[in-house]
Amino acid sequence: GPRTVILGPNGAGKSVLMRICHGLLA
């Protein structure tokens, strides 16, 4: 349902969090 936007400063871990969700990173 809701569109989720991930915000935060540089180096906060945003992209790593997304890659773990997707399964690209364990």
mmCIF file of all heavy atoms, coordinates in Angstrom:
data_MODEL
# 
_entry.id   MODEL 
# 
loop_
_atom_site.group_PDB 
_atom_site.id 
_atom_site.type_symbol 
_atom_site.label_atom_id 
_atom_site.label_alt_id 
_atom_site.label_comp_id 
_atom_site.label_asym_id 
_atom_site.label_entity_id 
_atom_site.label_seq_id 
_atom_site.pdbx_PDB_ins_code 
_atom_site.Cartn_x 
_atom_site.Cartn_y 
_atom_site.Cartn_z 
_atom_site.occupancy 
_atom_site.B_iso_or_equiv 
_atom_site.pdbx_formal_charge 
_atom_site.auth_seq_id 
_atom_site.auth_comp_id 
_atom_site.auth_asym_id 
_atom_site.auth_atom_id 
_atom_site.pdbx_PDB_model_num 
ATOM 1   N N   . GLY A 1 1  ? 0.793  -1.222  0.000  1.00 0.00 ? 1  GLY A N   1 
ATOM 2   C CA  . GLY A 1 1  ? 0.000  0.000   0.000  1.00 0.00 ? 1  GLY A CA  1 
ATOM 3   C C   . GLY A 1 1  ? 0.820  1.264   0.000  1.00 0.00 ? 1  GLY A C   1 
ATOM 4   O O   . GLY A 1 1  ? 1.259  1.733   -1.068 1.00 0.00 ? 1  GLY A O   1 
ATOM 5   N N   . PRO A 1 2  ? 1.072  1.858   1.172  1.00 0.00 ? 2  PRO A N   1 
ATOM 6   C CA  . PRO A 1 2  ? 1.698  3.183   1.203  1.00 0.00 ? 2  PRO A CA  1 
ATOM 7   C C   . PRO A 1 2  ? 3.059  3.205   0.528  1.00 0.00 ? 2  PRO A C   1 
ATOM 8   O O   . PRO A 1 2  ? 3.844  2.259   0.642  1.00 0.00 ? 2  PRO A O   1 
ATOM 9   C CB  . PRO A 1 2  ? 1.834  3.465   2.712  1.00 0.00 ? 2  PRO A CB  1 
ATOM 10  C CG  . PRO A 1 2  ? 0.859  2.568   3.378  1.00 0.00 ? 2  PRO A CG  1 
ATOM 11  C CD  . PRO A 1 2  ? 0.766  1.352   2.518  1.00 0.00 ? 2  PRO A CD  1 
ATOM 12  N N   . ARG A 1 3  ? 3.327  4.302   -0.160 1.00 0.00 ? 3  ARG A N   1 
ATOM 13  C CA  . ARG A 1 3  ? 4.644  4.506   -0.760 1.00 0.00 ? 3  ARG A CA  1 
ATOM 14  C C   . ARG A 1 3  ? 5.611  4.940   0.345  1.00 0.00 ? 3  ARG A C   1 
ATOM 15  O O   . ARG A 1 3  ? 5.361  5.924   1.040  1.00 0.00 ? 3  ARG A O   1 
ATOM 16  C CB  . ARG A 1 3  ? 4.569  5.569   -1.852 1.00 0.00 ? 3  ARG A CB  1 
ATOM 17  C CG  . ARG A 1 3  ? 3.671  5.186   -3.014 1.00 0.00 ? 3  ARG A CG  1 
ATOM 18  C CD  . ARG A 1 3  ? 3.323  6.384   -3.879 1.00 0.00 ? 3  ARG A CD  1 
ATOM 19  N NE  . ARG A 1 3  ? 2.535  7.365   -3.126 1.00 0.00 ? 3  ARG A NE  1 
ATOM 20  C CZ  . ARG A 1 3  ? 2.117  8.526   -3.611 1.00 0.00 ? 3  ARG A CZ  1 
ATOM 21  N NH1 . ARG A 1 3  ? 2.413  8.876   -4.848 1.00 0.00 ? 3  ARG A NH1 1 
ATOM 22  N NH2 . ARG A 1 3  ? 1.415  9.357   -2.867 1.00 0.00 ? 3  ARG A NH2 1 
ATOM 23  N N   . THR A 1 4  ? 6.709  4.214   0.462  1.00 0.00 ? 4  THR A N   1 
ATOM 24  C CA  . THR A 1 4  ? 7.678  4.453   1.528  1.00 0.00 ? 4  THR A CA  1 
ATOM 25  C C   . THR A 1 4  ? 8.906  5.129   0.948  1.00 0.00 ? 4  THR A C   1 
ATOM 26  O O   . THR A 1 4  ? 9.536  4.597   0.025  1.00 0.00 ? 4  THR A O   1 
ATOM 27  C CB  . THR A 1 4  ? 8.078  3.136   2.202  1.00 0.00 ? 4  THR A CB  1 
ATOM 28  O OG1 . THR A 1 4  ? 6.902  2.502   2.736  1.00 0.00 ? 4  THR A OG1 1 
ATOM 29  C CG2 . THR A 1 4  ? 9.074  3.382   3.319  1.00 0.00 ? 4  THR A CG2 1 
ATOM 30  N N   . VAL A 1 5  ? 9.245  6.302   1.491  1.00 0.00 ? 5  VAL A N   1 
ATOM 31  C CA  . VAL A 1 5  ? 10.433 7.035   1.064  1.00 0.00 ? 5  VAL A CA  1 
ATOM 32  C C   . VAL A 1 5  ? 11.453 6.986   2.193  1.00 0.00 ? 5  VAL A C   1 
ATOM 33  O O   . VAL A 1 5  ? 11.126 7.236   3.357  1.00 0.00 ? 5  VAL A O   1 
ATOM 34  C CB  . VAL A 1 5  ? 10.093 8.496   0.727  1.00 0.00 ? 5  VAL A CB  1 
ATOM 35  C CG1 . VAL A 1 5  ? 11.356 9.291   0.434  1.00 0.00 ? 5  VAL A CG1 1 
ATOM 36  C CG2 . VAL A 1 5  ? 9.158  8.557   -0.468 1.00 0.00 ? 5  VAL A CG2 1 
ATOM 37  N N   . ILE A 1 6  ? 12.694 6.635   1.831  1.00 0.00 ? 6  ILE A N   1 
ATOM 38  C CA  . ILE A 1 6  ? 13.778 6.552   2.804  1.00 0.00 ? 6  ILE A CA  1 
ATOM 39  C C   . ILE A 1 6  ? 14.663 7.783   2.647  1.00 0.00 ? 6  ILE A C   1 
ATOM 40  O O   . ILE A 1 6  ? 15.216 8.031   1.579  1.00 0.00 ? 6  ILE A O   1 
ATOM 41  C CB  . ILE A 1 6  ? 14.597 5.268   2.608  1.00 0.00 ? 6  ILE A CB  1 
ATOM 42  C CG1 . ILE A 1 6  ? 13.686 4.039   2.702  1.00 0.00 ? 6  ILE A CG1 1 
ATOM 43  C CG2 . ILE A 1 6  ? 15.723 5.185   3.637  1.00 0.00 ? 6  ILE A CG2 1 
ATOM 44  C CD1 . ILE A 1 6  ? 14.381 2.725   2.366  1.00 0.00 ? 6  ILE A CD1 1 
ATOM 45  N N   . LEU A 1 7  ? 14.765 8.562   3.722  1.00 0.00 ? 7  LEU A N   1 
ATOM 46  C CA  . LEU A 1 7  ? 15.577 9.774   3.743  1.00 0.00 ? 7  LEU A CA  1 
ATOM 47  C C   . LEU A 1 7  ? 16.651 9.647   4.818  1.00 0.00 ? 7  LEU A C   1 
ATOM 48  O O   . LEU A 1 7  ? 16.521 8.864   5.757  1.00 0.00 ? 7  LEU A O   1 
ATOM 49  C CB  . LEU A 1 7  ? 14.713 11.005  4.051  1.00 0.00 ? 7  LEU A CB  1 
ATOM 50  C CG  . LEU A 1 7  ? 13.631 11.396  3.058  1.00 0.00 ? 7  LEU A CG  1 
ATOM 51  C CD1 . LEU A 1 7  ? 12.835 12.586  3.595  1.00 0.00 ? 7  LEU A CD1 1 
ATOM 52  C CD2 . LEU A 1 7  ? 14.238 11.742  1.702  1.00 0.00 ? 7  LEU A CD2 1 
ATOM 53  N N   . GLY A 1 8  ? 17.680 10.474  4.677  1.00 0.00 ? 8  GLY A N   1 
ATOM 54  C CA  . GLY A 1 8  ? 18.726 10.515  5.687  1.00 0.00 ? 8  GLY A CA  1 
ATOM 55  C C   . GLY A 1 8  ? 19.988 11.106  5.112  1.00 0.00 ? 8  GLY A C   1 
ATOM 56  O O   . GLY A 1 8  ? 20.152 11.203  3.894  1.00 0.00 ? 8  GLY A O   1 
ATOM 57  N N   . PRO A 1 9  ? 20.906 11.501  5.980  1.00 0.00 ? 9  PRO A N   1 
ATOM 58  C CA  . PRO A 1 9  ? 22.150 12.105  5.503  1.00 0.00 ? 9  PRO A CA  1 
ATOM 59  C C   . PRO A 1 9  ? 23.042 11.103  4.789  1.00 0.00 ? 9  PRO A C   1 
ATOM 60  O O   . PRO A 1 9  ? 22.835 9.882   4.859  1.00 0.00 ? 9  PRO A O   1 
ATOM 61  C CB  . PRO A 1 9  ? 22.812 12.602  6.795  1.00 0.00 ? 9  PRO A CB  1 
ATOM 62  C CG  . PRO A 1 9  ? 22.223 11.768  7.874  1.00 0.00 ? 9  PRO A CG  1 
ATOM 63  C CD  . PRO A 1 9  ? 20.821 11.467  7.443  1.00 0.00 ? 9  PRO A CD  1 
ATOM 64  N N   . ASN A 1 10 ? 24.037 11.629  4.104  1.00 0.00 ? 10 ASN A N   1 
ATOM 65  C CA  . ASN A 1 10 ? 24.984 10.790  3.391  1.00 0.00 ? 10 ASN A CA  1 
ATOM 66  C C   . ASN A 1 10 ? 25.673 9.836   4.354  1.00 0.00 ? 10 ASN A C   1 
ATOM 67  O O   . ASN A 1 10 ? 26.107 10.231  5.432  1.00 0.00 ? 10 ASN A O   1 
ATOM 68  C CB  . ASN A 1 10 ? 26.025 11.685  2.707  1.00 0.00 ? 10 ASN A CB  1 
ATOM 69  C CG  . ASN A 1 10 ? 26.911 10.914  1.761  1.00 0.00 ? 10 ASN A CG  1 
ATOM 70  O OD1 . ASN A 1 10 ? 26.454 10.001  1.097  1.00 0.00 ? 10 ASN A OD1 1 
ATOM 71  N ND2 . ASN A 1 10 ? 28.178 11.287  1.702  1.00 0.00 ? 10 ASN A ND2 1 
ATOM 72  N N   . GLY A 1 11 ? 25.733 8.544   3.968  1.00 0.00 ? 11 GLY A N   1 
ATOM 73  C CA  . GLY A 1 11 ? 26.397 7.563   4.809  1.00 0.00 ? 11 GLY A CA  1 
ATOM 74  C C   . GLY A 1 11 ? 25.550 6.995   5.924  1.00 0.00 ? 11 GLY A C   1 
ATOM 75  O O   . GLY A 1 11 ? 26.043 6.229   6.755  1.00 0.00 ? 11 GLY A O   1 
ATOM 76  N N   . ALA A 1 12 ? 24.259 7.336   5.943  1.00 0.00 ? 12 ALA A N   1 
ATOM 77  C CA  . ALA A 1 12 ? 23.393 6.880   7.032  1.00 0.00 ? 12 ALA A CA  1 
ATOM 78  C C   . ALA A 1 12 ? 23.039 5.409   6.910  1.00 0.00 ? 12 ALA A C   1 
ATOM 79  O O   . ALA A 1 12 ? 22.622 4.794   7.893  1.00 0.00 ? 12 ALA A O   1 
ATOM 80  C CB  . ALA A 1 12 ? 22.114 7.716   7.070  1.00 0.00 ? 12 ALA A CB  1 
ATOM 81  N N   . GLY A 1 13 ? 23.156 4.833   5.707  1.00 0.00 ? 13 GLY A N   1 
ATOM 82  C CA  . GLY A 1 13 ? 22.830 3.430   5.508  1.00 0.00 ? 13 GLY A CA  1 
ATOM 83  C C   . GLY A 1 13 ? 21.588 3.193   4.684  1.00 0.00 ? 13 GLY A C   1 
ATOM 84  O O   . GLY A 1 13 ? 21.079 2.070   4.619  1.00 0.00 ? 13 GLY A O   1 
ATOM 85  N N   . LYS A 1 14 ? 21.093 4.224   3.995  1.00 0.00 ? 14 LYS A N   1 
ATOM 86  C CA  . LYS A 1 14 ? 19.827 4.121   3.250  1.00 0.00 ? 14 LYS A CA  1 
ATOM 87  C C   . LYS A 1 14 ? 19.897 3.064   2.146  1.00 0.00 ? 14 LYS A C   1 
ATOM 88  O O   . LYS A 1 14 ? 19.023 2.193   2.048  1.00 0.00 ? 14 LYS A O   1 
ATOM 89  C CB  . LYS A 1 14 ? 19.472 5.489   2.632  1.00 0.00 ? 14 LYS A CB  1 
ATOM 90  C CG  . LYS A 1 14 ? 19.402 6.639   3.602  1.00 0.00 ? 14 LYS A CG  1 
ATOM 91  C CD  . LYS A 1 14 ? 19.004 7.940   2.930  1.00 0.00 ? 14 LYS A CD  1 
ATOM 92  C CE  . LYS A 1 14 ? 19.981 8.426   1.881  1.00 0.00 ? 14 LYS A CE  1 
ATOM 93  N NZ  . LYS A 1 14 ? 21.309 8.774   2.451  1.00 0.00 ? 14 LYS A NZ  1 
ATOM 94  N N   . SER A 1 15 ? 20.897 3.169   1.290  1.00 0.00 ? 15 SER A N   1 
ATOM 95  C CA  . SER A 1 15 ? 20.985 2.247   0.157  1.00 0.00 ? 15 SER A CA  1 
ATOM 96  C C   . SER A 1 15 ? 21.295 0.828   0.600  1.00 0.00 ? 15 SER A C   1 
ATOM 97  O O   . SER A 1 15 ? 20.803 -0.141  0.009  1.00 0.00 ? 15 SER A O   1 
ATOM 98  C CB  . SER A 1 15 ? 22.042 2.733   -0.844 1.00 0.00 ? 15 SER A CB  1 
ATOM 99  O OG  . SER A 1 15 ? 21.606 3.935   -1.479 1.00 0.00 ? 15 SER A OG  1 
ATOM 100 N N   . VAL A 1 16 ? 22.102 0.682   1.640  1.00 0.00 ? 16 VAL A N   1 
ATOM 101 C CA  . VAL A 1 16 ? 22.379 -0.650  2.170  1.00 0.00 ? 16 VAL A CA  1 
ATOM 102 C C   . VAL A 1 16 ? 21.102 -1.270  2.717  1.00 0.00 ? 16 VAL A C   1 
ATOM 103 O O   . VAL A 1 16 ? 20.820 -2.460  2.492  1.00 0.00 ? 16 VAL A O   1 
ATOM 104 C CB  . VAL A 1 16 ? 23.467 -0.580  3.261  1.00 0.00 ? 16 VAL A CB  1 
ATOM 105 C CG1 . VAL A 1 16 ? 23.573 -1.913  4.000  1.00 0.00 ? 16 VAL A CG1 1 
ATOM 106 C CG2 . VAL A 1 16 ? 24.810 -0.222  2.642  1.00 0.00 ? 16 VAL A CG2 1 
ATOM 107 N N   . LEU A 1 17 ? 20.306 -0.478  3.409  1.00 0.00 ? 17 LEU A N   1 
ATOM 108 C CA  . LEU A 1 17 ? 19.028 -0.973  3.920  1.00 0.00 ? 17 LEU A CA  1 
ATOM 109 C C   . LEU A 1 17 ? 18.152 -1.477  2.778  1.00 0.00 ? 17 LEU A C   1 
ATOM 110 O O   . LEU A 1 17 ? 17.563 -2.566  2.864  1.00 0.00 ? 17 LEU A O   1 
ATOM 111 C CB  . LEU A 1 17 ? 18.312 0.139   4.680  1.00 0.00 ? 17 LEU A CB  1 
ATOM 112 C CG  . LEU A 1 17 ? 16.895 -0.166  5.166  1.00 0.00 ? 17 LEU A CG  1 
ATOM 113 C CD1 . LEU A 1 17 ? 16.880 -1.350  6.125  1.00 0.00 ? 17 LEU A CD1 1 
ATOM 114 C CD2 . LEU A 1 17 ? 16.277 1.076   5.819  1.00 0.00 ? 17 LEU A CD2 1 
ATOM 115 N N   . MET A 1 18 ? 18.079 -0.717  1.694  1.00 0.00 ? 18 MET A N   1 
ATOM 116 C CA  . MET A 1 18 ? 17.247 -1.129  0.571  1.00 0.00 ? 18 MET A CA  1 
ATOM 117 C C   . MET A 1 18 ? 17.793 -2.395  -0.085 1.00 0.00 ? 18 MET A C   1 
ATOM 118 O O   . MET A 1 18 ? 17.025 -3.299  -0.452 1.00 0.00 ? 18 MET A O   1 
ATOM 119 C CB  . MET A 1 18 ? 17.150 0.000   -0.457 1.00 0.00 ? 18 MET A CB  1 
ATOM 120 C CG  . MET A 1 18 ? 16.343 -0.381  -1.677 1.00 0.00 ? 18 MET A CG  1 
ATOM 121 S SD  . MET A 1 18 ? 16.060 1.019   -2.773 1.00 0.00 ? 18 MET A SD  1 
ATOM 122 C CE  . MET A 1 18 ? 14.860 1.933   -1.824 1.00 0.00 ? 18 MET A CE  1 
ATOM 123 N N   . ARG A 1 19 ? 19.095 -2.495  -0.229 1.00 0.00 ? 19 ARG A N   1 
ATOM 124 C CA  . ARG A 1 19 ? 19.678 -3.684  -0.855 1.00 0.00 ? 19 ARG A CA  1 
ATOM 125 C C   . ARG A 1 19 ? 19.458 -4.929  0.004  1.00 0.00 ? 19 ARG A C   1 
ATOM 126 O O   . ARG A 1 19 ? 19.287 -6.029  -0.533 1.00 0.00 ? 19 ARG A O   1 
ATOM 127 C CB  . ARG A 1 19 ? 21.161 -3.449  -1.116 1.00 0.00 ? 19 ARG A CB  1 
ATOM 128 C CG  . ARG A 1 19 ? 21.417 -2.591  -2.358 1.00 0.00 ? 19 ARG A CG  1 
ATOM 129 C CD  . ARG A 1 19 ? 22.828 -2.044  -2.404 1.00 0.00 ? 19 ARG A CD  1 
ATOM 130 N NE  . ARG A 1 19 ? 23.119 -1.435  -3.689 1.00 0.00 ? 19 ARG A NE  1 
ATOM 131 C CZ  . ARG A 1 19 ? 22.664 -0.264  -4.096 1.00 0.00 ? 19 ARG A CZ  1 
ATOM 132 N NH1 . ARG A 1 19 ? 21.859 0.443   -3.307 1.00 0.00 ? 19 ARG A NH1 1 
ATOM 133 N NH2 . ARG A 1 19 ? 22.978 0.228   -5.288 1.00 0.00 ? 19 ARG A NH2 1 
ATOM 134 N N   . ILE A 1 20 ? 19.449 -4.775  1.302  1.00 0.00 ? 20 ILE A N   1 
ATOM 135 C CA  . ILE A 1 20 ? 19.152 -5.909  2.176  1.00 0.00 ? 20 ILE A CA  1 
ATOM 136 C C   . ILE A 1 20 ? 17.686 -6.308  2.025  1.00 0.00 ? 20 ILE A C   1 
ATOM 137 O O   . ILE A 1 20 ? 17.358 -7.497  1.958  1.00 0.00 ? 20 ILE A O   1 
ATOM 138 C CB  . ILE A 1 20 ? 19.512 -5.570  3.633  1.00 0.00 ? 20 ILE A CB  1 
ATOM 139 C CG1 . ILE A 1 20 ? 21.032 -5.599  3.794  1.00 0.00 ? 20 ILE A CG1 1 
ATOM 140 C CG2 . ILE A 1 20 ? 18.837 -6.530  4.609  1.00 0.00 ? 20 ILE A CG2 1 
ATOM 141 C CD1 . ILE A 1 20 ? 21.528 -5.186  5.168  1.00 0.00 ? 20 ILE A CD1 1 
ATOM 142 N N   . CYS A 1 21 ? 16.803 -5.327  1.948  1.00 0.00 ? 21 CYS A N   1 
ATOM 143 C CA  . CYS A 1 21 ? 15.383 -5.631  1.735  1.00 0.00 ? 21 CYS A CA  1 
ATOM 144 C C   . CYS A 1 21 ? 15.190 -6.410  0.433  1.00 0.00 ? 21 CYS A C   1 
ATOM 145 O O   . CYS A 1 21 ? 14.431 -7.387  0.380  1.00 0.00 ? 21 CYS A O   1 
ATOM 146 C CB  . CYS A 1 21 ? 14.559 -4.349  1.697  1.00 0.00 ? 21 CYS A CB  1 
ATOM 147 S SG  . CYS A 1 21 ? 14.361 -3.505  3.283  1.00 0.00 ? 21 CYS A SG  1 
ATOM 148 N N   . HIS A 1 22 ? 15.878 -5.990  -0.612 1.00 0.00 ? 22 HIS A N   1 
ATOM 149 C CA  . HIS A 1 22 ? 15.724 -6.612  -1.928 1.00 0.00 ? 22 HIS A CA  1 
ATOM 150 C C   . HIS A 1 22 ? 16.411 -7.970  -2.003 1.00 0.00 ? 22 HIS A C   1 
ATOM 151 O O   . HIS A 1 22 ? 16.061 -8.807  -2.841 1.00 0.00 ? 22 HIS A O   1 
ATOM 152 C CB  . HIS A 1 22 ? 16.288 -5.677  -2.992 1.00 0.00 ? 22 HIS A CB  1 
ATOM 153 C CG  . HIS A 1 22 ? 16.155 -6.169  -4.399 1.00 0.00 ? 22 HIS A CG  1 
ATOM 154 N ND1 . HIS A 1 22 ? 14.966 -6.616  -4.927 1.00 0.00 ? 22 HIS A ND1 1 
ATOM 155 C CD2 . HIS A 1 22 ? 17.070 -6.293  -5.396 1.00 0.00 ? 22 HIS A CD2 1 
ATOM 156 C CE1 . HIS A 1 22 ? 15.148 -6.981  -6.191 1.00 0.00 ? 22 HIS A CE1 1 
ATOM 157 N NE2 . HIS A 1 22 ? 16.423 -6.801  -6.491 1.00 0.00 ? 22 HIS A NE2 1 
ATOM 158 N N   . GLY A 1 23 ? 17.400 -8.184  -1.150 1.00 0.00 ? 23 GLY A N   1 
ATOM 159 C CA  . GLY A 1 23 ? 18.123 -9.451  -1.167 1.00 0.00 ? 23 GLY A CA  1 
ATOM 160 C C   . GLY A 1 23 ? 19.460 -9.400  -1.871 1.00 0.00 ? 23 GLY A C   1 
ATOM 161 O O   . GLY A 1 23 ? 20.125 -10.430 -2.021 1.00 0.00 ? 23 GLY A O   1 
ATOM 162 N N   . LEU A 1 24 ? 19.885 -8.221  -2.304 1.00 0.00 ? 24 LEU A N   1 
ATOM 163 C CA  . LEU A 1 24 ? 21.191 -8.104  -2.946 1.00 0.00 ? 24 LEU A CA  1 
ATOM 164 C C   . LEU A 1 24 ? 22.326 -8.240  -1.944 1.00 0.00 ? 24 LEU A C   1 
ATOM 165 O O   . LEU A 1 24 ? 23.434 -8.629  -2.296 1.00 0.00 ? 24 LEU A O   1 
ATOM 166 C CB  . LEU A 1 24 ? 21.310 -6.758  -3.669 1.00 0.00 ? 24 LEU A CB  1 
ATOM 167 C CG  . LEU A 1 24 ? 20.498 -6.609  -4.948 1.00 0.00 ? 24 LEU A CG  1 
ATOM 168 C CD1 . LEU A 1 24 ? 20.647 -5.194  -5.481 1.00 0.00 ? 24 LEU A CD1 1 
ATOM 169 C CD2 . LEU A 1 24 ? 20.941 -7.610  -5.996 1.00 0.00 ? 24 LEU A CD2 1 
ATOM 170 N N   . LEU A 1 25 ? 22.061 -7.854  -0.704 1.00 0.00 ? 25 LEU A N   1 
ATOM 171 C CA  . LEU A 1 25 ? 23.016 -8.013  0.380  1.00 0.00 ? 25 LEU A CA  1 
ATOM 172 C C   . LEU A 1 25 ? 22.385 -8.863  1.475  1.00 0.00 ? 25 LEU A C   1 
ATOM 173 O O   . LEU A 1 25 ? 21.173 -8.762  1.719  1.00 0.00 ? 25 LEU A O   1 
ATOM 174 C CB  . LEU A 1 25 ? 23.409 -6.652  0.975  1.00 0.00 ? 25 LEU A CB  1 
ATOM 175 C CG  . LEU A 1 25 ? 24.231 -5.695  0.117  1.00 0.00 ? 25 LEU A CG  1 
ATOM 176 C CD1 . LEU A 1 25 ? 24.403 -4.364  0.838  1.00 0.00 ? 25 LEU A CD1 1 
ATOM 177 C CD2 . LEU A 1 25 ? 25.591 -6.301  -0.225 1.00 0.00 ? 25 LEU A CD2 1 
ATOM 178 N N   . ALA A 1 26 ? 23.199 -9.657  2.119  1.00 0.00 ? 26 ALA A N   1 
ATOM 179 C CA  . ALA A 1 26 ? 22.727 -10.421 3.274  1.00 0.00 ? 26 ALA A CA  1 
ATOM 180 C C   . ALA A 1 26 ? 23.150 -9.690  4.540  1.00 0.00 ? 26 ALA A C   1 
ATOM 181 O O   . ALA A 1 26 ? 24.300 -9.223  4.639  1.00 0.00 ? 26 ALA A O   1 
ATOM 182 C CB  . ALA A 1 26 ? 23.318 -11.830 3.257  1.00 0.00 ? 26 ALA A CB  1 
# 
